[in-house]
C-alpha atoms as a PDB file:
ATOM      1  CA  MET A   1      99.467 -80.487-100.061  1.00  0.00           C
ATOM      2  CA  ARG A   2     100.699 -83.850 -98.858  1.00  0.00           C
ATOM      3  CA  THR A   3     102.033 -84.984 -95.799  1.00  0.00           C
ATOM      4  CA  TYR A   4     104.416 -88.163 -95.599  1.00  0.00           C
ATOM      5  CA  ILE A   5     105.951 -89.330 -92.068  1.00  0.00           C
ATOM      6  CA  GLY A   6     108.851 -91.617 -93.427  1.00  0.00           C
ATOM      7  CA  ARG A   7     107.581 -93.625 -96.468  1.00  0.00           C
ATOM      8  CA  GLN A   8     103.750 -93.154 -95.413  1.00  0.00           C
ATOM      9  CA  GLN A   9     101.626 -90.822 -96.613  1.00  0.00           C
ATOM     10  CA  ALA A  10      99.071 -89.748 -93.624  1.00  0.00           C
ATOM     11  CA  VAL A  11      95.654 -88.425 -94.844  1.00  0.00           C
ATOM     12  CA  SER A  12      93.848 -87.955 -91.844  1.00  0.00           C
ATOM     13  CA  VAL A  13      94.509 -87.758 -88.271  1.00  0.00           C
ATOM     14  CA  GLU A  14      93.940 -91.710 -87.701  1.00  0.00           C
ATOM     15  CA  ASP A  15      96.985 -91.993 -90.360  1.00  0.00           C
ATOM     16  CA  PHE A  16      99.192 -89.378 -88.329  1.00  0.00           C
ATOM     17  CA  ALA A  17      98.340 -91.388 -84.978  1.00  0.00           C
ATOM     18  CA  GLU A  18      99.087 -94.812 -86.602  1.00  0.00           C
ATOM     19  CA  LEU A  19     101.738 -93.710 -87.984  1.00  0.00           C
ATOM     20  CA  ALA A  20     103.111 -92.050 -84.495  1.00  0.00           C
ATOM     21  CA  LEU A  21     101.804 -95.521 -82.434  1.00  0.00           C
ATOM     22  CA  GLY A  22     103.597 -97.452 -85.134  1.00  0.00           C
ATOM     23  CA  THR A  23     100.059 -99.777 -84.420  1.00  0.00           C
ATOM     24  CA  PRO A  24      96.211 -99.237 -85.761  1.00  0.00           C
ATOM     25  CA  VAL A  25      94.539 -96.990 -83.132  1.00  0.00           C
ATOM     26  CA  GLU A  26      91.737 -99.456 -82.778  1.00  0.00           C
ATOM     27  CA  LEU A  27      94.023-101.792 -81.453  1.00  0.00           C
ATOM     28  CA  TRP A  28      94.202-100.066 -78.478  1.00  0.00           C
ATOM     29  CA  LEU A  29      91.017 -98.104 -77.688  1.00  0.00           C
ATOM     30  CA  GLY A  30      89.033-101.365 -79.490  1.00  0.00           C
ATOM     31  CA  VAL A  31      85.402-100.741 -81.842  1.00  0.00           C
ATOM     32  CA  GLU A  32      82.151-100.681 -81.573  1.00  0.00           C
ATOM     33  CA  ASP A  33      79.934-103.602 -81.234  1.00  0.00           C
ATOM     34  CA  GLU A  34      83.310-105.911 -80.824  1.00  0.00           C
ATOM     35  CA  THR A  35      82.878-109.225 -79.334  1.00  0.00           C
ATOM     36  CA  ASP A  36      84.237-111.022 -76.388  1.00  0.00           C
ATOM     37  CA  GLU A  37      86.577-112.640 -78.529  1.00  0.00           C
ATOM     38  CA  GLU A  38      87.670-109.950 -80.577  1.00  0.00           C
ATOM     39  CA  ARG A  39      88.168-107.809 -77.620  1.00  0.00           C
ATOM     40  CA  ALA A  40      90.368-110.559 -75.819  1.00  0.00           C
ATOM     41  CA  ALA A  41      92.116-111.232 -79.256  1.00  0.00           C
ATOM     42  CA  ARG A  42      92.851-107.201 -79.513  1.00  0.00           C
ATOM     43  CA  GLU A  43      94.255-107.163 -75.721  1.00  0.00           C
ATOM     44  CA  ASP A  44      96.968-109.949 -76.245  1.00  0.00           C
ATOM     45  CA  ALA A  45      97.746-108.268 -79.614  1.00  0.00           C
ATOM     46  CA  ALA A  46      98.965-105.172 -77.381  1.00  0.00           C
ATOM     47  CA  ARG A  47     100.119-107.458 -74.183  1.00  0.00           C
ATOM     48  CA  ASP A  48     102.607-108.541 -76.672  1.00  0.00           C
ATOM     49  CA  ILE A  49     103.552-105.588 -78.739  1.00  0.00           C
ATOM     50  CA  LEU A  50     104.382-104.081 -75.125  1.00  0.00           C
ATOM     51  CA  ALA A  51     106.235-106.934 -73.771  1.00  0.00           C
ATOM     52  CA  ASP A  52     108.555-106.482 -76.725  1.00  0.00           C
ATOM     53  CA  HIS A  53     108.421-102.829 -76.617  1.00  0.00           C
ATOM     54  CA  PRO A  54     108.182-101.771 -73.009  1.00  0.00           C
ATOM     55  CA  GLU A  55     109.542 -97.866 -73.703  1.00  0.00           C
ATOM     56  CA  MET A  56     106.732 -97.597 -76.306  1.00  0.00           C
ATOM     57  CA  PRO A  57     104.618 -96.035 -73.263  1.00  0.00           C
ATOM     58  CA  ASP A  58     107.269 -93.600 -72.126  1.00  0.00           C
ATOM     59  CA  ASP A  59     107.294 -92.866 -76.393  1.00  0.00           C
ATOM     60  CA  LEU A  60     104.077 -91.459 -76.353  1.00  0.00           C
ATOM     61  CA  VAL A  61     104.036 -89.692 -73.222  1.00  0.00           C
ATOM     62  CA  ARG A  62     107.063 -87.955 -74.454  1.00  0.00           C
ATOM     63  CA  MET A  63     105.764 -87.438 -77.808  1.00  0.00           C
ATOM     64  CA  ALA A  64     102.169 -86.194 -76.385  1.00  0.00           C
ATOM     65  CA  ALA A  65     103.952 -83.334 -74.263  1.00  0.00           C
ATOM     66  CA  GLN A  66     106.125 -82.424 -77.155  1.00  0.00           C
ATOM     67  CA  VAL A  67     103.001 -81.908 -78.893  1.00  0.00           C
ATOM     68  CA  ILE A  68     101.369 -79.561 -75.871  1.00  0.00           C
ATOM     69  CA  GLU A  69     104.314 -77.754 -75.781  1.00  0.00           C
ATOM     70  CA  GLU A  70     104.124 -77.074 -79.241  1.00  0.00           C
ATOM     71  CA  ASN A  71     100.541 -76.005 -79.751  1.00  0.00           C
ATOM     72  CA  PRO A  72      99.619 -74.624 -76.293  1.00  0.00           C
ATOM     73  CA  ASP A  73      96.608 -73.442 -78.752  1.00  0.00           C
ATOM     74  CA  LEU A  74      95.214 -77.013 -78.565  1.00  0.00           C
ATOM     75  CA  PHE A  75      93.836 -76.359 -75.042  1.00  0.00           C
ATOM     76  CA  ASP A  76      92.349 -72.656 -75.601  1.00  0.00           C
ATOM     77  CA  VAL A  77      89.027 -73.764 -74.028  1.00  0.00           C
ATOM     78  CA  VAL A  78      86.394 -71.303 -73.302  1.00  0.00           C
ATOM     79  CA  PRO A  79      83.700 -72.341 -70.460  1.00  0.00           C
ATOM     80  CA  LEU A  80      80.423 -72.249 -71.627  1.00  0.00           C
ATOM     81  CA  THR A  81      78.359 -70.624 -69.105  1.00  0.00           C
ATOM     82  CA  ARG A  82      74.825 -72.092 -68.548  1.00  0.00           C
ATOM     83  CA  PRO A  83      71.734 -69.355 -69.136  1.00  0.00           C
ATOM     84  CA  ALA A  84      70.272 -68.255 -65.677  1.00  0.00           C
ATOM     85  CA  ARG A  85      67.205 -70.861 -64.798  1.00  0.00           C
ATOM     86  CA  HIS A  86      64.119 -69.063 -64.598  1.00  0.00           C
ATOM     87  CA  ARG A  87      62.048 -70.187 -61.733  1.00  0.00           C
ATOM     88  CA  ARG A  88      58.410 -70.502 -62.090  1.00  0.00           C
ATOM     89  CA  PRO A  89      55.987 -69.152 -59.198  1.00  0.00           C
ATOM     90  CA  ALA A  90      54.881 -71.342 -56.967  1.00  0.00           C
ATOM     91  CA  ARG A  91      51.055 -72.695 -57.893  1.00  0.00           C
ATOM     92  CA  LYS A  92      47.943 -71.789 -56.168  1.00  0.00           C
ATOM     93  CA  GLY A  93      44.733 -72.693 -55.656  1.00  0.00           C
ATOM     94  CA  VAL A  94      43.108 -76.195 -56.780  1.00  0.00           C
ATOM     95  CA  ALA A  95      45.646 -77.161 -59.540  1.00  0.00           C
ATOM     96  CA  ALA A  96      48.275 -76.627 -57.477  1.00  0.00           C
END
């Protein structure tokens, strides 16, 4: 089954996020091992986008809230229990 958002085909989770944001996810999150210059350029581009679209953060929060509302099972988290710690008996004698 193929999924399209507008005219773009979304193949992966990253595609969906990029199409929803209208920008690559890496623009906002960065990439591993980016240089200081690359980070500064990325942050400048992000600031420019936010200056041109000041409503973007509110739209994203609204979109996230809608996804959560429509998919409450995303947060069906089962806490993992830790196994009980077994105490070793205290050592006695010379080795202690």
